[in-house]
Amino acid sequence: MNILKKLFNGIWTNNPVLIVLLGFCPTLAVSTSLKDAIGMGFSALFVLIGSNLVISALRKFTPKKMRIPVFVIVIATFVTIVDLLLYAYFFQLHKSLGVFIPLIVVNCIVFGRAEAFASKNALWDSLWDGIGMGLGFTFTISVLASIREILGNGTIMGISLFGQSYSPVIIAILPPGAFLTLGLMLGGMNKINMSIEEKRKAKEKAEKEKAKQLKASVANG
C-alpha cells in the first residue's frame, strides 16, 4: 500500500467518523466554530502520529496481557504534551476546547488505531496510518464546523461573511444542529460511495461483456 493510498484510506475510504463511525463525542461537541475544530483536529493528529509510532516500536516487546495499559500510558503521554503546549502557547484555544483535550486519551479513533494497526505493523506504515486517520478526523470536523459556523453565526474563523443583515440559523450551532448536519454528511458520503460502487460494477460488467463478445468472435472466426 503506497503513501497516497494510506492517506486516502484515512481521509475517505475508511474515514474514522463518516465510515467507521468513531469519535462522535468530540466531533459534535467541538464543531461550533472552525477555529476550535482545527485545534481539536490537529491535537488528535499529533496524538495519533506519536502514539502510533511508539506503540509500533514497542509491539514486539509488549506482552499481550499488558497491551491495554501500555496503550493508555503512551496515548496519555502525548495527550499531556498537547494539553501543556496548548495551555502555554494557545491559551484561548485550550480554554475553548476544555475537557475534550484530556478526553483524547479515551478517544475511540486513537485507541482503535493503536489496537487494530500500530500494534501489528511496522513504524513506517503506522506513521502514515496515523497521519491519514488524523487528517480524516480533522477534515470531517472542519467541514462540519464550517457548515455550522456559517449557518449559525454567518462567520468563518470569526470573520463575518454576510454583514449585519444576515439572520443566523440558530439551530445550526445548537446540539440538534450538530446531529442533523453530521447526519446529512453521513448520508452524502454514503450516496457518493454508492454511486462510485455502481459505476465500478457497471464498468466491470461492460468489460466482461466485451471480453465475452471478443471470445465468441474469435471462436466463430
N, C-alpha and C. Protein backbone atom coordinates (compact mmCIF):
# COMPACT_ATOMS: atom_id res chain seq x y z
N MET A 1 0.85 -1.19 0.00
CA MET A 1 0.00 0.00 0.00
C MET A 1 0.89 1.24 0.00
N ASN A 2 0.76 2.11 -1.03
CA ASN A 2 1.62 3.28 -1.09
C ASN A 2 1.11 4.39 -0.18
N ILE A 3 1.90 5.46 -0.08
CA ILE A 3 1.59 6.55 0.86
C ILE A 3 0.27 7.23 0.52
N LEU A 4 0.07 7.54 -0.76
CA LEU A 4 -1.17 8.23 -1.16
C LEU A 4 -2.40 7.39 -0.84
N LYS A 5 -2.27 6.07 -1.04
CA LYS A 5 -3.40 5.19 -0.74
C LYS A 5 -3.69 5.17 0.76
N LYS A 6 -2.63 5.19 1.57
CA LYS A 6 -2.81 5.23 3.03
C LYS A 6 -3.52 6.52 3.46
N LEU A 7 -3.09 7.64 2.86
CA LEU A 7 -3.70 8.92 3.20
C LEU A 7 -5.17 8.95 2.76
N PHE A 8 -5.43 8.48 1.55
CA PHE A 8 -6.80 8.46 1.03
C PHE A 8 -7.67 7.52 1.86
N ASN A 9 -7.06 6.44 2.35
CA ASN A 9 -7.79 5.50 3.20
C ASN A 9 -8.32 6.18 4.46
N GLY A 10 -7.46 7.01 5.09
CA GLY A 10 -7.88 7.70 6.31
C GLY A 10 -8.84 8.84 6.06
N ILE A 11 -8.61 9.56 4.96
CA ILE A 11 -9.42 10.74 4.67
C ILE A 11 -10.79 10.37 4.10
N TRP A 12 -10.83 9.30 3.28
CA TRP A 12 -12.10 8.97 2.62
C TRP A 12 -12.54 7.52 2.80
N THR A 13 -11.77 6.56 2.28
CA THR A 13 -12.21 5.16 2.23
C THR A 13 -12.63 4.62 3.59
N ASN A 14 -11.80 4.86 4.62
CA ASN A 14 -12.12 4.44 5.99
C ASN A 14 -12.11 5.64 6.93
N ASN A 15 -12.74 6.71 6.48
CA ASN A 15 -12.81 7.92 7.31
C ASN A 15 -13.29 7.55 8.71
N PRO A 16 -12.53 7.92 9.76
CA PRO A 16 -12.85 7.45 11.11
C PRO A 16 -14.21 7.88 11.63
N VAL A 17 -14.72 9.00 11.16
CA VAL A 17 -16.02 9.49 11.64
C VAL A 17 -17.16 9.07 10.71
N LEU A 18 -17.00 9.31 9.41
CA LEU A 18 -18.11 9.11 8.47
C LEU A 18 -18.26 7.67 7.97
N ILE A 19 -17.21 6.88 8.07
CA ILE A 19 -17.29 5.49 7.61
C ILE A 19 -17.21 4.52 8.79
N VAL A 20 -16.19 4.67 9.63
CA VAL A 20 -16.02 3.76 10.77
C VAL A 20 -16.94 4.15 11.94
N LEU A 21 -17.44 5.40 11.92
CA LEU A 21 -18.39 5.90 12.92
C LEU A 21 -17.80 5.93 14.33
N LEU A 22 -16.60 6.49 14.45
CA LEU A 22 -15.95 6.66 15.75
C LEU A 22 -15.73 8.15 16.03
N GLY A 23 -15.49 8.48 17.29
CA GLY A 23 -15.14 9.84 17.67
C GLY A 23 -16.26 10.85 17.56
N PHE A 24 -17.52 10.40 17.72
CA PHE A 24 -18.65 11.31 17.59
C PHE A 24 -18.68 12.38 18.69
N CYS A 25 -18.25 12.03 19.89
CA CYS A 25 -18.33 12.95 21.02
C CYS A 25 -17.58 14.26 20.75
N PRO A 26 -16.26 14.23 20.47
CA PRO A 26 -15.56 15.49 20.18
C PRO A 26 -16.01 16.11 18.87
N THR A 27 -16.38 15.28 17.89
CA THR A 27 -16.82 15.81 16.60
C THR A 27 -18.06 16.68 16.76
N LEU A 28 -19.01 16.24 17.54
CA LEU A 28 -20.24 17.00 17.74
C LEU A 28 -20.05 18.17 18.70
N ALA A 29 -19.25 17.97 19.73
CA ALA A 29 -19.14 18.97 20.79
C ALA A 29 -18.24 20.16 20.42
N VAL A 30 -17.21 19.92 19.61
CA VAL A 30 -16.21 20.96 19.36
C VAL A 30 -16.38 21.60 17.98
N SER A 31 -17.48 21.29 17.29
CA SER A 31 -17.63 21.77 15.92
C SER A 31 -18.52 23.00 15.78
N THR A 32 -18.59 23.81 16.84
CA THR A 32 -19.39 25.04 16.73
C THR A 32 -18.64 26.14 16.00
N SER A 33 -17.31 26.03 15.94
CA SER A 33 -16.52 27.02 15.19
C SER A 33 -15.34 26.32 14.51
N LEU A 34 -14.95 26.84 13.35
CA LEU A 34 -13.87 26.22 12.58
C LEU A 34 -12.55 26.30 13.34
N LYS A 35 -12.32 27.38 14.05
CA LYS A 35 -11.07 27.53 14.80
C LYS A 35 -10.90 26.42 15.84
N ASP A 36 -11.96 26.16 16.59
CA ASP A 36 -11.92 25.09 17.60
C ASP A 36 -11.76 23.72 16.95
N ALA A 37 -12.44 23.54 15.82
CA ALA A 37 -12.39 22.25 15.12
C ALA A 37 -10.99 21.95 14.62
N ILE A 38 -10.33 22.96 14.05
CA ILE A 38 -8.96 22.77 13.56
C ILE A 38 -8.01 22.46 14.72
N GLY A 39 -8.20 23.18 15.83
CA GLY A 39 -7.37 22.93 17.02
C GLY A 39 -7.54 21.52 17.53
N MET A 40 -8.79 21.05 17.58
CA MET A 40 -9.06 19.69 18.04
C MET A 40 -8.52 18.67 17.05
N GLY A 41 -8.69 18.94 15.76
CA GLY A 41 -8.22 18.02 14.73
C GLY A 41 -6.72 17.82 14.76
N PHE A 42 -5.98 18.93 14.87
CA PHE A 42 -4.52 18.81 14.87
C PHE A 42 -3.99 18.25 16.18
N SER A 43 -4.72 18.47 17.27
CA SER A 43 -4.34 17.84 18.55
C SER A 43 -4.45 16.32 18.44
N ALA A 44 -5.57 15.87 17.88
CA ALA A 44 -5.77 14.43 17.69
C ALA A 44 -4.75 13.86 16.69
N LEU A 45 -4.44 14.64 15.66
CA LEU A 45 -3.45 14.21 14.66
C LEU A 45 -2.09 13.99 15.31
N PHE A 46 -1.67 14.93 16.17
CA PHE A 46 -0.38 14.81 16.87
C PHE A 46 -0.35 13.56 17.75
N VAL A 47 -1.44 13.34 18.48
CA VAL A 47 -1.51 12.18 19.38
C VAL A 47 -1.51 10.88 18.58
N LEU A 48 -2.25 10.85 17.47
CA LEU A 48 -2.30 9.66 16.62
C LEU A 48 -0.93 9.30 16.07
N ILE A 49 -0.22 10.31 15.56
CA ILE A 49 1.11 10.05 14.99
C ILE A 49 2.07 9.56 16.06
N GLY A 50 2.12 10.29 17.18
CA GLY A 50 3.05 9.95 18.25
C GLY A 50 2.77 8.59 18.86
N SER A 51 1.51 8.33 19.19
CA SER A 51 1.16 7.05 19.83
C SER A 51 1.34 5.88 18.86
N ASN A 52 0.98 6.08 17.59
CA ASN A 52 1.17 5.01 16.60
C ASN A 52 2.64 4.62 16.48
N LEU A 53 3.52 5.62 16.44
CA LEU A 53 4.95 5.36 16.30
C LEU A 53 5.51 4.61 17.50
N VAL A 54 5.18 5.08 18.70
CA VAL A 54 5.72 4.45 19.92
C VAL A 54 5.15 3.04 20.10
N ILE A 55 3.85 2.89 19.90
CA ILE A 55 3.23 1.57 20.08
C ILE A 55 3.76 0.58 19.04
N SER A 56 3.98 1.05 17.82
CA SER A 56 4.56 0.19 16.79
C SER A 56 5.98 -0.23 17.16
N ALA A 57 6.76 0.73 17.69
CA ALA A 57 8.14 0.45 18.07
C ALA A 57 8.21 -0.55 19.23
N LEU A 58 7.20 -0.53 20.09
CA LEU A 58 7.20 -1.41 21.28
C LEU A 58 6.42 -2.70 21.07
N ARG A 59 5.86 -2.89 19.87
CA ARG A 59 4.93 -4.01 19.68
C ARG A 59 5.55 -5.38 19.96
N LYS A 60 6.85 -5.54 19.67
CA LYS A 60 7.50 -6.84 19.86
C LYS A 60 7.92 -7.07 21.31
N PHE A 61 7.90 -6.00 22.10
CA PHE A 61 8.34 -6.10 23.50
C PHE A 61 7.17 -6.01 24.48
N THR A 62 5.96 -5.78 23.95
CA THR A 62 4.80 -5.61 24.82
C THR A 62 4.07 -6.93 25.00
N PRO A 63 4.00 -7.46 26.23
CA PRO A 63 3.25 -8.70 26.46
C PRO A 63 1.78 -8.51 26.10
N LYS A 64 1.18 -9.53 25.56
CA LYS A 64 -0.20 -9.45 25.09
C LYS A 64 -1.15 -8.98 26.19
N LYS A 65 -0.95 -9.48 27.40
CA LYS A 65 -1.85 -9.14 28.51
C LYS A 65 -1.64 -7.71 29.01
N MET A 66 -0.51 -7.09 28.63
CA MET A 66 -0.19 -5.74 29.10
C MET A 66 -0.43 -4.66 28.04
N ARG A 67 -0.95 -5.06 26.88
CA ARG A 67 -1.02 -4.11 25.78
C ARG A 67 -1.96 -2.92 26.07
N ILE A 68 -3.10 -3.18 26.74
CA ILE A 68 -4.05 -2.09 27.01
C ILE A 68 -3.45 -1.04 27.96
N PRO A 69 -2.85 -1.44 29.10
CA PRO A 69 -2.19 -0.43 29.96
C PRO A 69 -1.08 0.33 29.23
N VAL A 70 -0.32 -0.39 28.39
CA VAL A 70 0.75 0.27 27.62
C VAL A 70 0.16 1.30 26.67
N PHE A 71 -0.91 0.93 25.97
CA PHE A 71 -1.57 1.87 25.06
C PHE A 71 -2.02 3.12 25.80
N VAL A 72 -2.65 2.93 26.95
CA VAL A 72 -3.18 4.05 27.72
C VAL A 72 -2.05 4.99 28.16
N ILE A 73 -0.96 4.41 28.66
CA ILE A 73 0.17 5.23 29.12
C ILE A 73 0.79 6.02 27.98
N VAL A 74 0.99 5.36 26.84
CA VAL A 74 1.59 6.04 25.68
C VAL A 74 0.68 7.16 25.18
N ILE A 75 -0.60 6.86 25.00
CA ILE A 75 -1.54 7.87 24.50
C ILE A 75 -1.67 9.03 25.48
N ALA A 76 -1.76 8.70 26.80
CA ALA A 76 -1.88 9.74 27.82
C ALA A 76 -0.66 10.67 27.83
N THR A 77 0.52 10.11 27.55
CA THR A 77 1.74 10.92 27.50
C THR A 77 1.65 11.98 26.40
N PHE A 78 1.23 11.56 25.22
CA PHE A 78 1.13 12.52 24.10
C PHE A 78 -0.02 13.51 24.30
N VAL A 79 -1.09 13.07 24.94
CA VAL A 79 -2.20 13.98 25.25
C VAL A 79 -1.74 15.04 26.25
N THR A 80 -0.95 14.64 27.22
CA THR A 80 -0.41 15.60 28.20
C THR A 80 0.49 16.63 27.52
N ILE A 81 1.31 16.17 26.58
CA ILE A 81 2.18 17.09 25.83
C ILE A 81 1.33 18.12 25.08
N VAL A 82 0.30 17.64 24.38
CA VAL A 82 -0.59 18.55 23.63
C VAL A 82 -1.28 19.52 24.58
N ASP A 83 -1.78 19.01 25.69
CA ASP A 83 -2.50 19.84 26.67
C ASP A 83 -1.60 20.97 27.19
N LEU A 84 -0.38 20.64 27.52
CA LEU A 84 0.55 21.64 28.06
C LEU A 84 0.98 22.66 26.99
N LEU A 85 1.18 22.18 25.76
CA LEU A 85 1.55 23.09 24.67
C LEU A 85 0.43 24.09 24.38
N LEU A 86 -0.80 23.59 24.35
CA LEU A 86 -1.94 24.49 24.12
C LEU A 86 -2.09 25.49 25.26
N TYR A 87 -1.90 25.00 26.49
CA TYR A 87 -2.01 25.89 27.65
C TYR A 87 -0.94 26.99 27.61
N ALA A 88 0.25 26.62 27.16
CA ALA A 88 1.36 27.58 27.16
C ALA A 88 1.30 28.57 26.00
N TYR A 89 0.91 28.10 24.80
CA TYR A 89 1.02 28.94 23.60
C TYR A 89 -0.31 29.32 22.96
N PHE A 90 -1.38 28.57 23.26
CA PHE A 90 -2.70 28.85 22.67
C PHE A 90 -3.75 28.78 23.77
N PHE A 91 -3.63 29.68 24.73
CA PHE A 91 -4.45 29.59 25.94
C PHE A 91 -5.94 29.69 25.64
N GLN A 92 -6.33 30.60 24.75
CA GLN A 92 -7.75 30.76 24.43
C GLN A 92 -8.33 29.49 23.80
N LEU A 93 -7.54 28.87 22.91
CA LEU A 93 -7.97 27.62 22.29
C LEU A 93 -8.07 26.52 23.35
N HIS A 94 -7.08 26.48 24.24
CA HIS A 94 -7.08 25.49 25.33
C HIS A 94 -8.32 25.66 26.20
N LYS A 95 -8.67 26.91 26.48
CA LYS A 95 -9.84 27.21 27.31
C LYS A 95 -11.12 26.82 26.59
N SER A 96 -11.14 27.06 25.29
CA SER A 96 -12.33 26.76 24.48
C SER A 96 -12.56 25.25 24.35
N LEU A 97 -11.49 24.51 24.13
CA LEU A 97 -11.61 23.06 23.96
C LEU A 97 -11.88 22.36 25.29
N GLY A 98 -11.37 22.93 26.37
CA GLY A 98 -11.67 22.43 27.71
C GLY A 98 -11.32 20.97 27.92
N VAL A 99 -12.31 20.22 28.41
CA VAL A 99 -12.09 18.83 28.82
C VAL A 99 -11.88 17.90 27.63
N PHE A 100 -12.18 18.36 26.42
CA PHE A 100 -12.09 17.46 25.27
C PHE A 100 -10.65 17.16 24.85
N ILE A 101 -9.69 17.96 25.29
CA ILE A 101 -8.28 17.61 25.05
C ILE A 101 -7.88 16.41 25.92
N PRO A 102 -8.07 16.45 27.25
CA PRO A 102 -7.75 15.26 28.06
C PRO A 102 -8.53 14.02 27.63
N LEU A 103 -9.73 14.21 27.10
CA LEU A 103 -10.54 13.05 26.70
C LEU A 103 -10.02 12.35 25.45
N ILE A 104 -9.02 12.93 24.79
CA ILE A 104 -8.40 12.24 23.65
C ILE A 104 -7.80 10.90 24.11
N VAL A 105 -7.45 10.82 25.38
CA VAL A 105 -6.89 9.57 25.94
C VAL A 105 -7.82 8.40 25.67
N VAL A 106 -9.13 8.63 25.77
CA VAL A 106 -10.09 7.54 25.56
C VAL A 106 -10.82 7.69 24.22
N ASN A 107 -10.28 8.50 23.34
CA ASN A 107 -10.89 8.66 22.02
C ASN A 107 -10.83 7.33 21.26
N CYS A 108 -11.97 6.89 20.75
CA CYS A 108 -12.04 5.58 20.07
C CYS A 108 -11.15 5.52 18.84
N ILE A 109 -10.97 6.64 18.17
CA ILE A 109 -10.14 6.65 16.96
C ILE A 109 -8.69 6.34 17.32
N VAL A 110 -8.17 7.06 18.32
CA VAL A 110 -6.77 6.89 18.73
C VAL A 110 -6.54 5.49 19.27
N PHE A 111 -7.41 5.07 20.17
CA PHE A 111 -7.27 3.74 20.78
C PHE A 111 -7.48 2.64 19.75
N GLY A 112 -8.44 2.86 18.85
CA GLY A 112 -8.73 1.87 17.82
C GLY A 112 -7.56 1.65 16.87
N ARG A 113 -6.87 2.73 16.47
CA ARG A 113 -5.73 2.59 15.56
C ARG A 113 -4.55 1.93 16.28
N ALA A 114 -4.41 2.20 17.58
CA ALA A 114 -3.34 1.57 18.36
C ALA A 114 -3.54 0.06 18.38
N GLU A 115 -4.78 -0.38 18.63
CA GLU A 115 -5.09 -1.80 18.74
C GLU A 115 -5.13 -2.49 17.39
N ALA A 116 -5.79 -1.85 16.42
CA ALA A 116 -6.04 -2.51 15.13
C ALA A 116 -4.86 -2.43 14.16
N PHE A 117 -4.03 -1.37 14.31
CA PHE A 117 -2.98 -1.18 13.29
C PHE A 117 -1.57 -1.07 13.88
N ALA A 118 -1.34 -0.07 14.72
CA ALA A 118 0.03 0.21 15.18
C ALA A 118 0.66 -0.97 15.91
N SER A 119 -0.13 -1.72 16.69
CA SER A 119 0.41 -2.84 17.46
C SER A 119 0.73 -4.05 16.58
N LYS A 120 0.38 -3.97 15.28
CA LYS A 120 0.59 -5.12 14.39
C LYS A 120 1.43 -4.79 13.15
N ASN A 121 1.81 -3.52 13.00
CA ASN A 121 2.51 -3.12 11.78
C ASN A 121 3.79 -2.33 12.08
N ALA A 122 4.61 -2.20 11.04
CA ALA A 122 5.92 -1.54 11.18
C ALA A 122 5.77 -0.04 11.38
N LEU A 123 6.87 0.58 11.79
CA LEU A 123 6.89 2.02 12.09
C LEU A 123 6.40 2.87 10.92
N TRP A 124 6.95 2.62 9.73
CA TRP A 124 6.64 3.45 8.56
C TRP A 124 5.15 3.39 8.22
N ASP A 125 4.60 2.19 8.22
CA ASP A 125 3.17 2.02 7.93
C ASP A 125 2.31 2.67 9.02
N SER A 126 2.73 2.53 10.27
CA SER A 126 1.98 3.11 11.39
C SER A 126 2.01 4.63 11.35
N LEU A 127 3.14 5.20 10.91
CA LEU A 127 3.24 6.65 10.78
C LEU A 127 2.19 7.17 9.81
N TRP A 128 2.13 6.58 8.62
CA TRP A 128 1.21 7.07 7.60
C TRP A 128 -0.24 6.73 7.92
N ASP A 129 -0.45 5.65 8.65
CA ASP A 129 -1.80 5.35 9.11
C ASP A 129 -2.27 6.44 10.08
N GLY A 130 -1.39 6.84 11.00
CA GLY A 130 -1.73 7.90 11.95
C GLY A 130 -2.00 9.22 11.25
N ILE A 131 -1.17 9.55 10.25
CA ILE A 131 -1.37 10.80 9.50
C ILE A 131 -2.70 10.76 8.75
N GLY A 132 -2.95 9.63 8.06
CA GLY A 132 -4.18 9.51 7.28
C GLY A 132 -5.43 9.61 8.14
N MET A 133 -5.45 8.87 9.26
CA MET A 133 -6.62 8.89 10.14
C MET A 133 -6.78 10.26 10.82
N GLY A 134 -5.65 10.86 11.19
CA GLY A 134 -5.70 12.18 11.80
C GLY A 134 -6.23 13.23 10.85
N LEU A 135 -5.78 13.18 9.58
CA LEU A 135 -6.27 14.11 8.57
C LEU A 135 -7.74 13.87 8.27
N GLY A 136 -8.15 12.59 8.27
CA GLY A 136 -9.56 12.27 8.05
C GLY A 136 -10.45 12.85 9.13
N PHE A 137 -10.02 12.73 10.38
CA PHE A 137 -10.77 13.31 11.50
C PHE A 137 -10.79 14.83 11.40
N THR A 138 -9.63 15.42 11.12
CA THR A 138 -9.53 16.88 11.00
C THR A 138 -10.41 17.41 9.87
N PHE A 139 -10.37 16.72 8.73
CA PHE A 139 -11.18 17.11 7.58
C PHE A 139 -12.66 17.08 7.92
N THR A 140 -13.11 16.00 8.55
CA THR A 140 -14.54 15.84 8.86
C THR A 140 -15.02 16.88 9.85
N ILE A 141 -14.28 17.06 10.94
CA ILE A 141 -14.72 18.00 11.97
C ILE A 141 -14.64 19.44 11.46
N SER A 142 -13.69 19.72 10.55
CA SER A 142 -13.56 21.07 9.99
C SER A 142 -14.70 21.40 9.04
N VAL A 143 -15.08 20.42 8.20
CA VAL A 143 -16.22 20.63 7.29
C VAL A 143 -17.50 20.83 8.09
N LEU A 144 -17.70 19.99 9.10
CA LEU A 144 -18.89 20.10 9.95
C LEU A 144 -18.93 21.45 10.65
N ALA A 145 -17.79 21.88 11.20
CA ALA A 145 -17.73 23.16 11.91
C ALA A 145 -17.95 24.33 10.96
N SER A 146 -17.42 24.24 9.74
CA SER A 146 -17.60 25.32 8.75
C SER A 146 -19.07 25.52 8.44
N ILE A 147 -19.78 24.41 8.20
CA ILE A 147 -21.21 24.48 7.88
C ILE A 147 -21.98 25.09 9.05
N ARG A 148 -21.70 24.61 10.25
CA ARG A 148 -22.43 25.08 11.43
C ARG A 148 -22.13 26.55 11.74
N GLU A 149 -20.85 26.94 11.60
CA GLU A 149 -20.50 28.33 11.91
C GLU A 149 -21.09 29.29 10.88
N ILE A 150 -21.03 28.91 9.60
CA ILE A 150 -21.57 29.78 8.55
C ILE A 150 -23.08 29.96 8.72
N LEU A 151 -23.79 28.85 8.92
CA LEU A 151 -25.24 28.92 9.06
C LEU A 151 -25.66 29.55 10.39
N GLY A 152 -24.96 29.17 11.46
CA GLY A 152 -25.38 29.60 12.80
C GLY A 152 -24.93 30.99 13.20
N ASN A 153 -23.79 31.44 12.65
CA ASN A 153 -23.26 32.76 13.03
C ASN A 153 -23.05 33.70 11.85
N GLY A 154 -23.04 33.13 10.64
CA GLY A 154 -22.75 33.96 9.46
C GLY A 154 -21.29 34.35 9.39
N THR A 155 -20.43 33.53 10.04
CA THR A 155 -18.99 33.83 10.06
C THR A 155 -18.19 32.58 9.70
N ILE A 156 -16.91 32.79 9.40
CA ILE A 156 -15.97 31.68 9.25
C ILE A 156 -14.65 32.12 9.87
N MET A 157 -14.15 31.34 10.81
CA MET A 157 -12.97 31.70 11.60
C MET A 157 -13.16 33.05 12.29
N GLY A 158 -14.43 33.34 12.64
CA GLY A 158 -14.73 34.60 13.32
C GLY A 158 -14.90 35.79 12.39
N ILE A 159 -14.70 35.61 11.09
CA ILE A 159 -14.82 36.70 10.12
C ILE A 159 -16.23 36.71 9.54
N SER A 160 -16.90 37.87 9.60
CA SER A 160 -18.27 37.99 9.11
C SER A 160 -18.32 37.83 7.59
N LEU A 161 -19.28 37.05 7.12
CA LEU A 161 -19.41 36.80 5.69
C LEU A 161 -20.57 37.56 5.04
N PHE A 162 -21.62 37.79 5.78
CA PHE A 162 -22.85 38.33 5.18
C PHE A 162 -23.27 39.69 5.74
N GLY A 163 -22.51 40.24 6.66
CA GLY A 163 -22.86 41.54 7.23
C GLY A 163 -23.96 41.44 8.28
N GLN A 164 -24.38 42.59 8.79
CA GLN A 164 -25.33 42.63 9.90
C GLN A 164 -26.74 42.24 9.48
N SER A 165 -27.02 42.25 8.19
CA SER A 165 -28.37 41.93 7.72
C SER A 165 -28.67 40.43 7.75
N TYR A 166 -27.62 39.61 7.95
CA TYR A 166 -27.81 38.16 7.93
C TYR A 166 -28.59 37.69 9.16
N SER A 167 -29.57 36.83 8.92
CA SER A 167 -30.34 36.25 10.01
C SER A 167 -29.86 34.82 10.25
N PRO A 168 -29.10 34.60 11.32
CA PRO A 168 -28.48 33.28 11.54
C PRO A 168 -29.49 32.18 11.81
N VAL A 169 -29.13 30.96 11.37
CA VAL A 169 -29.94 29.78 11.66
C VAL A 169 -29.44 29.22 12.99
N ILE A 170 -30.02 29.68 14.06
CA ILE A 170 -29.51 29.40 15.41
C ILE A 170 -29.39 27.91 15.69
N ILE A 171 -30.30 27.12 15.15
CA ILE A 171 -30.27 25.68 15.44
C ILE A 171 -28.95 25.04 14.99
N ALA A 172 -28.28 25.64 14.01
CA ALA A 172 -27.05 25.06 13.46
C ALA A 172 -25.95 24.97 14.51
N ILE A 173 -25.91 25.93 15.45
CA ILE A 173 -24.85 25.91 16.46
C ILE A 173 -25.32 25.27 17.77
N LEU A 174 -26.54 24.77 17.78
CA LEU A 174 -27.05 24.06 18.94
C LEU A 174 -26.85 22.55 18.74
N PRO A 175 -26.91 21.75 19.83
CA PRO A 175 -26.71 20.30 19.69
C PRO A 175 -27.56 19.63 18.61
N PRO A 176 -28.87 19.97 18.48
CA PRO A 176 -29.65 19.32 17.39
C PRO A 176 -29.06 19.61 16.01
N GLY A 177 -28.53 20.82 15.83
CA GLY A 177 -27.92 21.18 14.55
C GLY A 177 -26.69 20.34 14.24
N ALA A 178 -25.95 20.01 15.29
CA ALA A 178 -24.75 19.18 15.11
C ALA A 178 -25.15 17.79 14.62
N PHE A 179 -26.17 17.20 15.24
CA PHE A 179 -26.63 15.87 14.84
C PHE A 179 -27.20 15.89 13.42
N LEU A 180 -28.01 16.91 13.11
CA LEU A 180 -28.61 17.00 11.79
C LEU A 180 -27.56 17.16 10.70
N THR A 181 -26.60 18.05 10.93
CA THR A 181 -25.56 18.30 9.93
C THR A 181 -24.69 17.08 9.72
N LEU A 182 -24.30 16.44 10.84
CA LEU A 182 -23.48 15.23 10.72
C LEU A 182 -24.26 14.12 10.00
N GLY A 183 -25.55 14.01 10.29
CA GLY A 183 -26.38 13.03 9.62
C GLY A 183 -26.43 13.26 8.11
N LEU A 184 -26.55 14.52 7.70
CA LEU A 184 -26.55 14.86 6.28
C LEU A 184 -25.21 14.54 5.63
N MET A 185 -24.12 14.79 6.38
CA MET A 185 -22.79 14.46 5.86
C MET A 185 -22.62 12.95 5.69
N LEU A 186 -23.13 12.19 6.66
CA LEU A 186 -23.08 10.72 6.57
C LEU A 186 -23.87 10.23 5.36
N GLY A 187 -25.06 10.81 5.16
CA GLY A 187 -25.88 10.44 4.02
C GLY A 187 -25.20 10.79 2.70
N GLY A 188 -24.58 11.98 2.65
CA GLY A 188 -23.88 12.41 1.44
C GLY A 188 -22.70 11.51 1.11
N MET A 189 -21.94 11.14 2.14
CA MET A 189 -20.80 10.24 1.96
C MET A 189 -21.25 8.88 1.43
N ASN A 190 -22.31 8.34 2.02
CA ASN A 190 -22.83 7.05 1.57
C ASN A 190 -23.34 7.11 0.14
N LYS A 191 -24.00 8.22 -0.20
CA LYS A 191 -24.53 8.39 -1.55
C LYS A 191 -23.40 8.42 -2.58
N ILE A 192 -22.35 9.16 -2.27
CA ILE A 192 -21.20 9.26 -3.19
C ILE A 192 -20.53 7.90 -3.35
N ASN A 193 -20.32 7.20 -2.22
CA ASN A 193 -19.67 5.88 -2.28
C ASN A 193 -20.52 4.86 -3.04
N MET A 194 -21.84 4.92 -2.86
CA MET A 194 -22.73 4.02 -3.59
C MET A 194 -22.68 4.29 -5.08
N SER A 195 -22.63 5.57 -5.43
CA SER A 195 -22.55 5.96 -6.84
C SER A 195 -21.24 5.47 -7.47
N ILE A 196 -20.14 5.62 -6.72
CA ILE A 196 -18.84 5.15 -7.20
C ILE A 196 -18.84 3.64 -7.39
N GLU A 197 -19.44 2.92 -6.42
CA GLU A 197 -19.50 1.46 -6.49
C GLU A 197 -20.35 0.99 -7.67
N GLU A 198 -21.47 1.67 -7.91
CA GLU A 198 -22.33 1.33 -9.04
C GLU A 198 -21.61 1.52 -10.37
N LYS A 199 -20.86 2.62 -10.49
CA LYS A 199 -20.10 2.88 -11.71
C LYS A 199 -19.01 1.83 -11.91
N ARG A 200 -18.38 1.44 -10.79
CA ARG A 200 -17.32 0.42 -10.87
C ARG A 200 -17.89 -0.92 -11.35
N LYS A 201 -19.05 -1.28 -10.78
CA LYS A 201 -19.68 -2.54 -11.17
C LYS A 201 -20.15 -2.51 -12.63
N ALA A 202 -20.68 -1.36 -13.06
CA ALA A 202 -21.13 -1.21 -14.45
C ALA A 202 -19.95 -1.33 -15.41
N LYS A 203 -18.82 -0.75 -15.01
CA LYS A 203 -17.61 -0.81 -15.83
C LYS A 203 -17.11 -2.25 -15.94
N GLU A 204 -17.09 -2.95 -14.79
CA GLU A 204 -16.65 -4.36 -14.78
C GLU A 204 -17.57 -5.22 -15.64
N LYS A 205 -18.87 -4.96 -15.55
CA LYS A 205 -19.84 -5.72 -16.34
C LYS A 205 -19.64 -5.48 -17.83
N ALA A 206 -19.39 -4.21 -18.20
CA ALA A 206 -19.17 -3.87 -19.60
C ALA A 206 -17.89 -4.52 -20.13
N GLU A 207 -16.85 -4.54 -19.27
CA GLU A 207 -15.58 -5.16 -19.69
C GLU A 207 -15.74 -6.67 -19.86
N LYS A 208 -16.50 -7.30 -18.95
CA LYS A 208 -16.74 -8.75 -19.06
C LYS A 208 -17.54 -9.07 -20.31
N GLU A 209 -18.55 -8.22 -20.59
CA GLU A 209 -19.38 -8.42 -21.78
C GLU A 209 -18.54 -8.26 -23.05
N LYS A 210 -17.67 -7.27 -23.03
CA LYS A 210 -16.79 -7.03 -24.18
C LYS A 210 -15.84 -8.20 -24.39
N ALA A 211 -15.28 -8.73 -23.29
CA ALA A 211 -14.37 -9.87 -23.37
C ALA A 211 -15.11 -11.11 -23.87
N LYS A 212 -16.36 -11.28 -23.43
CA LYS A 212 -17.19 -12.41 -23.85
C LYS A 212 -17.47 -12.36 -25.35
N GLN A 213 -17.80 -11.15 -25.82
CA GLN A 213 -18.08 -10.97 -27.25
C GLN A 213 -16.84 -11.21 -28.09
N LEU A 214 -15.70 -10.73 -27.58
CA LEU A 214 -14.43 -10.92 -28.29
C LEU A 214 -14.10 -12.40 -28.38
N LYS A 215 -14.30 -13.12 -27.28
CA LYS A 215 -14.03 -14.55 -27.24
C LYS A 215 -14.94 -15.30 -28.22
N ALA A 216 -16.21 -14.87 -28.29
CA ALA A 216 -17.16 -15.51 -29.20
C ALA A 216 -16.81 -15.26 -30.65
N SER A 217 -16.37 -14.03 -30.94
CA SER A 217 -16.00 -13.68 -32.32
C SER A 217 -14.76 -14.45 -32.77
N VAL A 218 -13.82 -14.64 -31.84
CA VAL A 218 -12.61 -15.41 -32.16
C VAL A 218 -12.95 -16.88 -32.42
N ALA A 219 -13.88 -17.41 -31.60
CA ALA A 219 -14.30 -18.81 -31.76
C ALA A 219 -15.03 -19.02 -33.08
N ASN A 220 -15.81 -18.01 -33.49
CA ASN A 220 -16.59 -18.12 -34.73
C ASN A 220 -15.76 -17.79 -35.98
N GLY A 221 -14.70 -17.04 -35.76
CA GLY A 221 -13.90 -16.60 -36.92
C GLY A 221 -12.76 -17.48 -37.23
